[in-house]
Amino acid sequence: MGERSPAFSFYAKDFMLGTVTLTLAERGAYISLLAYQWDHGSVPDGPESLGRICGCSGAQAKKLWTAVGKKFLRGVDGQWRNPRLEAERAKQLDRREMLAANGRKGADKRWQTG
């Protein structure tokens, strides 16, 4: 997958609108899972793993996942991913590739002998 970006764009208004029906604990779990997904590529399956990521027990994570899990899709690999976050990842990758291509064009033009 190449070098991962250390950060993703956070759209506060979209986040607030998308989480307005969540409790504070659910919202905290959600942002923790998004951050984990960004860094690791996906969110693991199972309440114990989710609990470790969210800083709570497996039983608490299972309850939180009832609300938060709706924002993730399970991939063929069994891992969970938030589609919006993956779209942001793709957008960043496209931008990096475009900037690199433009940089190569500029360097080629500059160093052309003529």
N, C-alpha and C. Protein backbone atom coordinates (compact mmCIF):
# COMPACT_ATOMS: atom_id res chain seq x y z
N MET A 1 0.83 -1.19 0.00
CA MET A 1 0.00 0.00 0.00
C MET A 1 0.86 1.25 0.00
N GLY A 2 2.17 1.08 0.18
CA GLY A 2 3.04 2.25 0.17
C GLY A 2 3.06 2.95 1.51
N GLU A 3 3.71 4.09 1.53
CA GLU A 3 3.82 4.86 2.76
C GLU A 3 2.47 5.45 3.15
N ARG A 4 2.10 5.26 4.38
CA ARG A 4 0.82 5.78 4.86
C ARG A 4 0.99 7.21 5.36
N SER A 5 0.00 8.00 5.09
CA SER A 5 -0.02 9.36 5.59
C SER A 5 -0.29 9.31 7.10
N PRO A 6 0.35 10.16 7.88
CA PRO A 6 0.12 10.15 9.32
C PRO A 6 -1.19 10.80 9.75
N ALA A 7 -1.88 11.48 8.83
CA ALA A 7 -3.08 12.22 9.23
C ALA A 7 -4.14 12.15 8.14
N PHE A 8 -5.38 12.32 8.56
CA PHE A 8 -6.48 12.41 7.60
C PHE A 8 -7.25 13.69 7.87
N SER A 9 -7.92 14.18 6.83
CA SER A 9 -8.73 15.39 6.99
C SER A 9 -9.91 15.09 7.89
N PHE A 10 -10.16 15.98 8.81
CA PHE A 10 -11.28 15.83 9.74
C PHE A 10 -12.26 16.96 9.48
N TYR A 11 -13.42 16.60 8.99
CA TYR A 11 -14.45 17.58 8.68
C TYR A 11 -15.41 17.66 9.86
N ALA A 12 -15.20 18.66 10.71
CA ALA A 12 -15.92 18.75 11.98
C ALA A 12 -17.43 18.76 11.79
N LYS A 13 -17.92 19.55 10.85
CA LYS A 13 -19.37 19.63 10.63
C LYS A 13 -19.93 18.28 10.21
N ASP A 14 -19.26 17.61 9.28
CA ASP A 14 -19.71 16.29 8.83
C ASP A 14 -19.69 15.29 9.99
N PHE A 15 -18.62 15.35 10.80
CA PHE A 15 -18.52 14.43 11.93
C PHE A 15 -19.66 14.67 12.91
N MET A 16 -19.89 15.93 13.24
CA MET A 16 -20.96 16.24 14.20
C MET A 16 -22.33 15.83 13.66
N LEU A 17 -22.60 16.12 12.39
CA LEU A 17 -23.88 15.74 11.80
C LEU A 17 -24.04 14.22 11.74
N GLY A 18 -22.94 13.52 11.47
CA GLY A 18 -23.00 12.07 11.36
C GLY A 18 -23.03 11.34 12.68
N THR A 19 -22.75 12.06 13.77
CA THR A 19 -22.72 11.40 15.08
C THR A 19 -23.68 12.02 16.09
N VAL A 20 -24.56 12.88 15.62
CA VAL A 20 -25.46 13.61 16.53
C VAL A 20 -26.35 12.66 17.34
N THR A 21 -26.66 11.50 16.81
CA THR A 21 -27.53 10.56 17.53
C THR A 21 -26.74 9.61 18.44
N LEU A 22 -25.41 9.71 18.42
CA LEU A 22 -24.59 8.83 19.25
C LEU A 22 -24.40 9.43 20.64
N THR A 23 -24.23 8.56 21.61
CA THR A 23 -23.88 9.02 22.95
C THR A 23 -22.43 9.47 22.95
N LEU A 24 -22.02 10.13 24.00
CA LEU A 24 -20.63 10.57 24.11
C LEU A 24 -19.68 9.37 24.05
N ALA A 25 -20.01 8.29 24.71
CA ALA A 25 -19.17 7.09 24.70
C ALA A 25 -19.10 6.50 23.29
N GLU A 26 -20.22 6.46 22.59
CA GLU A 26 -20.25 5.93 21.22
C GLU A 26 -19.43 6.81 20.29
N ARG A 27 -19.55 8.12 20.47
CA ARG A 27 -18.79 9.06 19.64
C ARG A 27 -17.29 8.89 19.90
N GLY A 28 -16.91 8.73 21.15
CA GLY A 28 -15.50 8.50 21.49
C GLY A 28 -14.98 7.21 20.90
N ALA A 29 -15.78 6.15 20.96
CA ALA A 29 -15.39 4.88 20.36
C ALA A 29 -15.22 5.03 18.86
N TYR A 30 -16.14 5.75 18.24
CA TYR A 30 -16.11 5.92 16.79
C TYR A 30 -14.84 6.63 16.34
N ILE A 31 -14.50 7.74 16.97
CA ILE A 31 -13.29 8.47 16.55
C ILE A 31 -12.04 7.65 16.86
N SER A 32 -12.06 6.88 17.94
CA SER A 32 -10.92 6.00 18.25
C SER A 32 -10.76 4.94 17.18
N LEU A 33 -11.86 4.37 16.74
CA LEU A 33 -11.81 3.34 15.70
C LEU A 33 -11.39 3.92 14.35
N LEU A 34 -11.83 5.13 14.05
CA LEU A 34 -11.38 5.78 12.81
C LEU A 34 -9.87 6.00 12.84
N ALA A 35 -9.36 6.48 13.96
CA ALA A 35 -7.92 6.71 14.09
C ALA A 35 -7.15 5.40 13.96
N TYR A 36 -7.66 4.35 14.58
CA TYR A 36 -7.02 3.04 14.49
C TYR A 36 -7.02 2.54 13.04
N GLN A 37 -8.17 2.67 12.38
CA GLN A 37 -8.28 2.24 10.99
C GLN A 37 -7.29 3.01 10.12
N TRP A 38 -7.18 4.30 10.33
CA TRP A 38 -6.27 5.10 9.52
C TRP A 38 -4.85 4.57 9.64
N ASP A 39 -4.46 4.25 10.86
CA ASP A 39 -3.09 3.81 11.12
C ASP A 39 -2.84 2.36 10.70
N HIS A 40 -3.84 1.50 10.88
CA HIS A 40 -3.66 0.06 10.65
C HIS A 40 -4.34 -0.48 9.39
N GLY A 41 -5.17 0.32 8.75
CA GLY A 41 -5.82 -0.11 7.52
C GLY A 41 -7.20 -0.70 7.71
N SER A 42 -7.52 -1.11 8.92
CA SER A 42 -8.84 -1.69 9.20
C SER A 42 -9.03 -1.79 10.70
N VAL A 43 -10.24 -2.15 11.06
CA VAL A 43 -10.58 -2.38 12.47
C VAL A 43 -10.83 -3.87 12.62
N PRO A 44 -10.23 -4.50 13.63
CA PRO A 44 -10.41 -5.95 13.79
C PRO A 44 -11.82 -6.32 14.24
N ASP A 45 -12.12 -7.57 14.10
CA ASP A 45 -13.41 -8.10 14.52
C ASP A 45 -13.30 -8.60 15.96
N GLY A 46 -14.37 -8.51 16.70
CA GLY A 46 -14.42 -9.08 18.04
C GLY A 46 -14.40 -8.04 19.14
N PRO A 47 -15.24 -8.24 20.15
CA PRO A 47 -15.38 -7.25 21.22
C PRO A 47 -14.12 -7.04 22.05
N GLU A 48 -13.31 -8.07 22.25
CA GLU A 48 -12.10 -7.90 23.06
C GLU A 48 -11.11 -6.97 22.35
N SER A 49 -10.91 -7.18 21.06
CA SER A 49 -10.01 -6.33 20.28
C SER A 49 -10.54 -4.90 20.23
N LEU A 50 -11.83 -4.77 19.98
CA LEU A 50 -12.45 -3.44 19.92
C LEU A 50 -12.33 -2.74 21.28
N GLY A 51 -12.53 -3.50 22.34
CA GLY A 51 -12.42 -2.93 23.68
C GLY A 51 -11.03 -2.39 23.97
N ARG A 52 -10.00 -3.12 23.53
CA ARG A 52 -8.62 -2.64 23.74
C ARG A 52 -8.40 -1.33 22.99
N ILE A 53 -8.93 -1.25 21.77
CA ILE A 53 -8.76 -0.03 20.98
C ILE A 53 -9.50 1.15 21.62
N CYS A 54 -10.70 0.87 22.12
CA CYS A 54 -11.56 1.93 22.67
C CYS A 54 -11.30 2.20 24.15
N GLY A 55 -10.48 1.40 24.78
CA GLY A 55 -10.17 1.61 26.19
C GLY A 55 -11.30 1.20 27.12
N CYS A 56 -11.99 0.12 26.77
CA CYS A 56 -13.08 -0.36 27.61
C CYS A 56 -13.10 -1.89 27.59
N SER A 57 -14.00 -2.46 28.33
CA SER A 57 -14.10 -3.92 28.38
C SER A 57 -14.72 -4.44 27.08
N GLY A 58 -14.55 -5.73 26.87
CA GLY A 58 -15.17 -6.36 25.71
C GLY A 58 -16.69 -6.24 25.75
N ALA A 59 -17.26 -6.36 26.94
CA ALA A 59 -18.72 -6.24 27.08
C ALA A 59 -19.18 -4.82 26.73
N GLN A 60 -18.43 -3.81 27.17
CA GLN A 60 -18.77 -2.43 26.83
C GLN A 60 -18.60 -2.19 25.33
N ALA A 61 -17.53 -2.73 24.76
CA ALA A 61 -17.28 -2.56 23.32
C ALA A 61 -18.40 -3.20 22.51
N LYS A 62 -18.90 -4.32 22.97
CA LYS A 62 -20.00 -5.00 22.26
C LYS A 62 -21.23 -4.09 22.21
N LYS A 63 -21.52 -3.42 23.32
CA LYS A 63 -22.66 -2.49 23.36
C LYS A 63 -22.41 -1.28 22.46
N LEU A 64 -21.20 -0.74 22.52
CA LEU A 64 -20.87 0.42 21.69
C LEU A 64 -20.94 0.07 20.20
N TRP A 65 -20.50 -1.13 19.86
CA TRP A 65 -20.47 -1.56 18.46
C TRP A 65 -21.88 -1.64 17.86
N THR A 66 -22.88 -1.84 18.70
CA THR A 66 -24.26 -1.87 18.21
C THR A 66 -24.59 -0.59 17.46
N ALA A 67 -24.14 0.54 17.96
CA ALA A 67 -24.39 1.83 17.30
C ALA A 67 -23.29 2.18 16.31
N VAL A 68 -22.05 2.02 16.70
CA VAL A 68 -20.91 2.47 15.91
C VAL A 68 -20.65 1.54 14.72
N GLY A 69 -20.92 0.28 14.87
CA GLY A 69 -20.65 -0.69 13.82
C GLY A 69 -21.40 -0.42 12.52
N LYS A 70 -22.48 0.33 12.62
CA LYS A 70 -23.26 0.68 11.42
C LYS A 70 -22.48 1.58 10.48
N LYS A 71 -21.41 2.17 10.98
CA LYS A 71 -20.61 3.10 10.17
C LYS A 71 -19.43 2.41 9.50
N PHE A 72 -19.34 1.09 9.64
CA PHE A 72 -18.25 0.30 9.07
C PHE A 72 -18.82 -0.83 8.22
N LEU A 73 -18.07 -1.23 7.21
CA LEU A 73 -18.44 -2.37 6.38
C LEU A 73 -17.37 -3.44 6.53
N ARG A 74 -17.81 -4.71 6.56
CA ARG A 74 -16.85 -5.81 6.67
C ARG A 74 -16.31 -6.13 5.28
N GLY A 75 -15.00 -6.20 5.17
CA GLY A 75 -14.36 -6.55 3.92
C GLY A 75 -14.28 -8.06 3.75
N VAL A 76 -13.85 -8.49 2.59
CA VAL A 76 -13.72 -9.93 2.34
C VAL A 76 -12.68 -10.56 3.26
N ASP A 77 -11.79 -9.74 3.80
CA ASP A 77 -10.78 -10.24 4.73
C ASP A 77 -11.30 -10.34 6.17
N GLY A 78 -12.59 -10.01 6.38
CA GLY A 78 -13.18 -10.09 7.71
C GLY A 78 -12.93 -8.86 8.56
N GLN A 79 -12.17 -7.91 8.05
CA GLN A 79 -11.87 -6.69 8.79
C GLN A 79 -12.89 -5.62 8.46
N TRP A 80 -13.04 -4.68 9.37
CA TRP A 80 -14.03 -3.62 9.23
C TRP A 80 -13.37 -2.33 8.78
N ARG A 81 -14.04 -1.62 7.86
CA ARG A 81 -13.52 -0.34 7.37
C ARG A 81 -14.66 0.65 7.21
N ASN A 82 -14.38 1.88 7.55
CA ASN A 82 -15.33 2.96 7.32
C ASN A 82 -15.13 3.43 5.89
N PRO A 83 -16.17 3.35 5.05
CA PRO A 83 -16.02 3.72 3.64
C PRO A 83 -15.60 5.17 3.42
N ARG A 84 -16.10 6.07 4.22
CA ARG A 84 -15.75 7.49 4.05
C ARG A 84 -14.26 7.71 4.32
N LEU A 85 -13.73 7.04 5.33
CA LEU A 85 -12.32 7.17 5.65
C LEU A 85 -11.46 6.59 4.52
N GLU A 86 -11.89 5.47 3.95
CA GLU A 86 -11.14 4.89 2.84
C GLU A 86 -11.20 5.78 1.61
N ALA A 87 -12.30 6.51 1.42
CA ALA A 87 -12.38 7.47 0.32
C ALA A 87 -11.38 8.60 0.54
N GLU A 88 -11.23 9.04 1.78
CA GLU A 88 -10.23 10.06 2.11
C GLU A 88 -8.82 9.54 1.85
N ARG A 89 -8.59 8.28 2.18
CA ARG A 89 -7.27 7.68 1.94
C ARG A 89 -6.96 7.67 0.44
N ALA A 90 -7.95 7.28 -0.36
CA ALA A 90 -7.78 7.24 -1.82
C ALA A 90 -7.53 8.64 -2.37
N LYS A 91 -8.26 9.62 -1.84
CA LYS A 91 -8.10 11.01 -2.28
C LYS A 91 -6.68 11.50 -1.98
N GLN A 92 -6.17 11.17 -0.81
CA GLN A 92 -4.80 11.57 -0.46
C GLN A 92 -3.78 10.90 -1.38
N LEU A 93 -3.98 9.63 -1.65
CA LEU A 93 -3.06 8.89 -2.51
C LEU A 93 -3.06 9.48 -3.92
N ASP A 94 -4.24 9.76 -4.45
CA ASP A 94 -4.34 10.38 -5.78
C ASP A 94 -3.61 11.72 -5.81
N ARG A 95 -3.78 12.51 -4.77
CA ARG A 95 -3.13 13.83 -4.72
C ARG A 95 -1.61 13.69 -4.66
N ARG A 96 -1.12 12.75 -3.83
CA ARG A 96 0.33 12.54 -3.74
C ARG A 96 0.90 12.10 -5.10
N GLU A 97 0.17 11.19 -5.78
CA GLU A 97 0.63 10.72 -7.08
C GLU A 97 0.64 11.86 -8.11
N MET A 98 -0.38 12.72 -8.08
CA MET A 98 -0.44 13.85 -9.00
C MET A 98 0.72 14.82 -8.74
N LEU A 99 0.98 15.12 -7.47
CA LEU A 99 2.07 16.03 -7.13
C LEU A 99 3.42 15.44 -7.55
N ALA A 100 3.60 14.14 -7.35
CA ALA A 100 4.85 13.50 -7.75
C ALA A 100 5.03 13.56 -9.26
N ALA A 101 3.95 13.29 -10.00
CA ALA A 101 4.03 13.34 -11.47
C ALA A 101 4.36 14.75 -11.94
N ASN A 102 3.71 15.75 -11.33
CA ASN A 102 4.00 17.14 -11.69
C ASN A 102 5.44 17.51 -11.36
N GLY A 103 5.94 17.01 -10.26
CA GLY A 103 7.33 17.27 -9.89
C GLY A 103 8.30 16.66 -10.89
N ARG A 104 8.00 15.44 -11.34
CA ARG A 104 8.85 14.80 -12.34
C ARG A 104 8.82 15.59 -13.66
N LYS A 105 7.63 16.04 -14.05
CA LYS A 105 7.52 16.84 -15.29
C LYS A 105 8.35 18.11 -15.18
N GLY A 106 8.25 18.78 -14.05
CA GLY A 106 9.01 20.01 -13.85
C GLY A 106 10.50 19.76 -13.87
N ALA A 107 10.94 18.69 -13.25
CA ALA A 107 12.36 18.36 -13.24
C ALA A 107 12.84 18.01 -14.64
N ASP A 108 12.04 17.23 -15.36
CA ASP A 108 12.41 16.88 -16.73
C ASP A 108 12.55 18.13 -17.59
N LYS A 109 11.62 19.04 -17.45
CA LYS A 109 11.65 20.27 -18.25
C LYS A 109 12.86 21.12 -17.87
N ARG A 110 13.14 21.19 -16.59
CA ARG A 110 14.25 22.02 -16.13
C ARG A 110 15.59 21.48 -16.60
N TRP A 111 15.74 20.16 -16.58
CA TRP A 111 17.04 19.57 -16.89
C TRP A 111 17.18 19.12 -18.34
N GLN A 112 16.17 19.43 -19.15
CA GLN A 112 16.27 19.12 -20.58
C GLN A 112 17.38 19.94 -21.20
N THR A 113 18.15 19.32 -22.03
CA THR A 113 19.18 20.08 -22.73
C THR A 113 18.61 20.49 -24.09
N GLY A 114 18.91 21.63 -24.50
CA GLY A 114 18.30 22.07 -25.75
C GLY A 114 19.08 22.99 -26.49
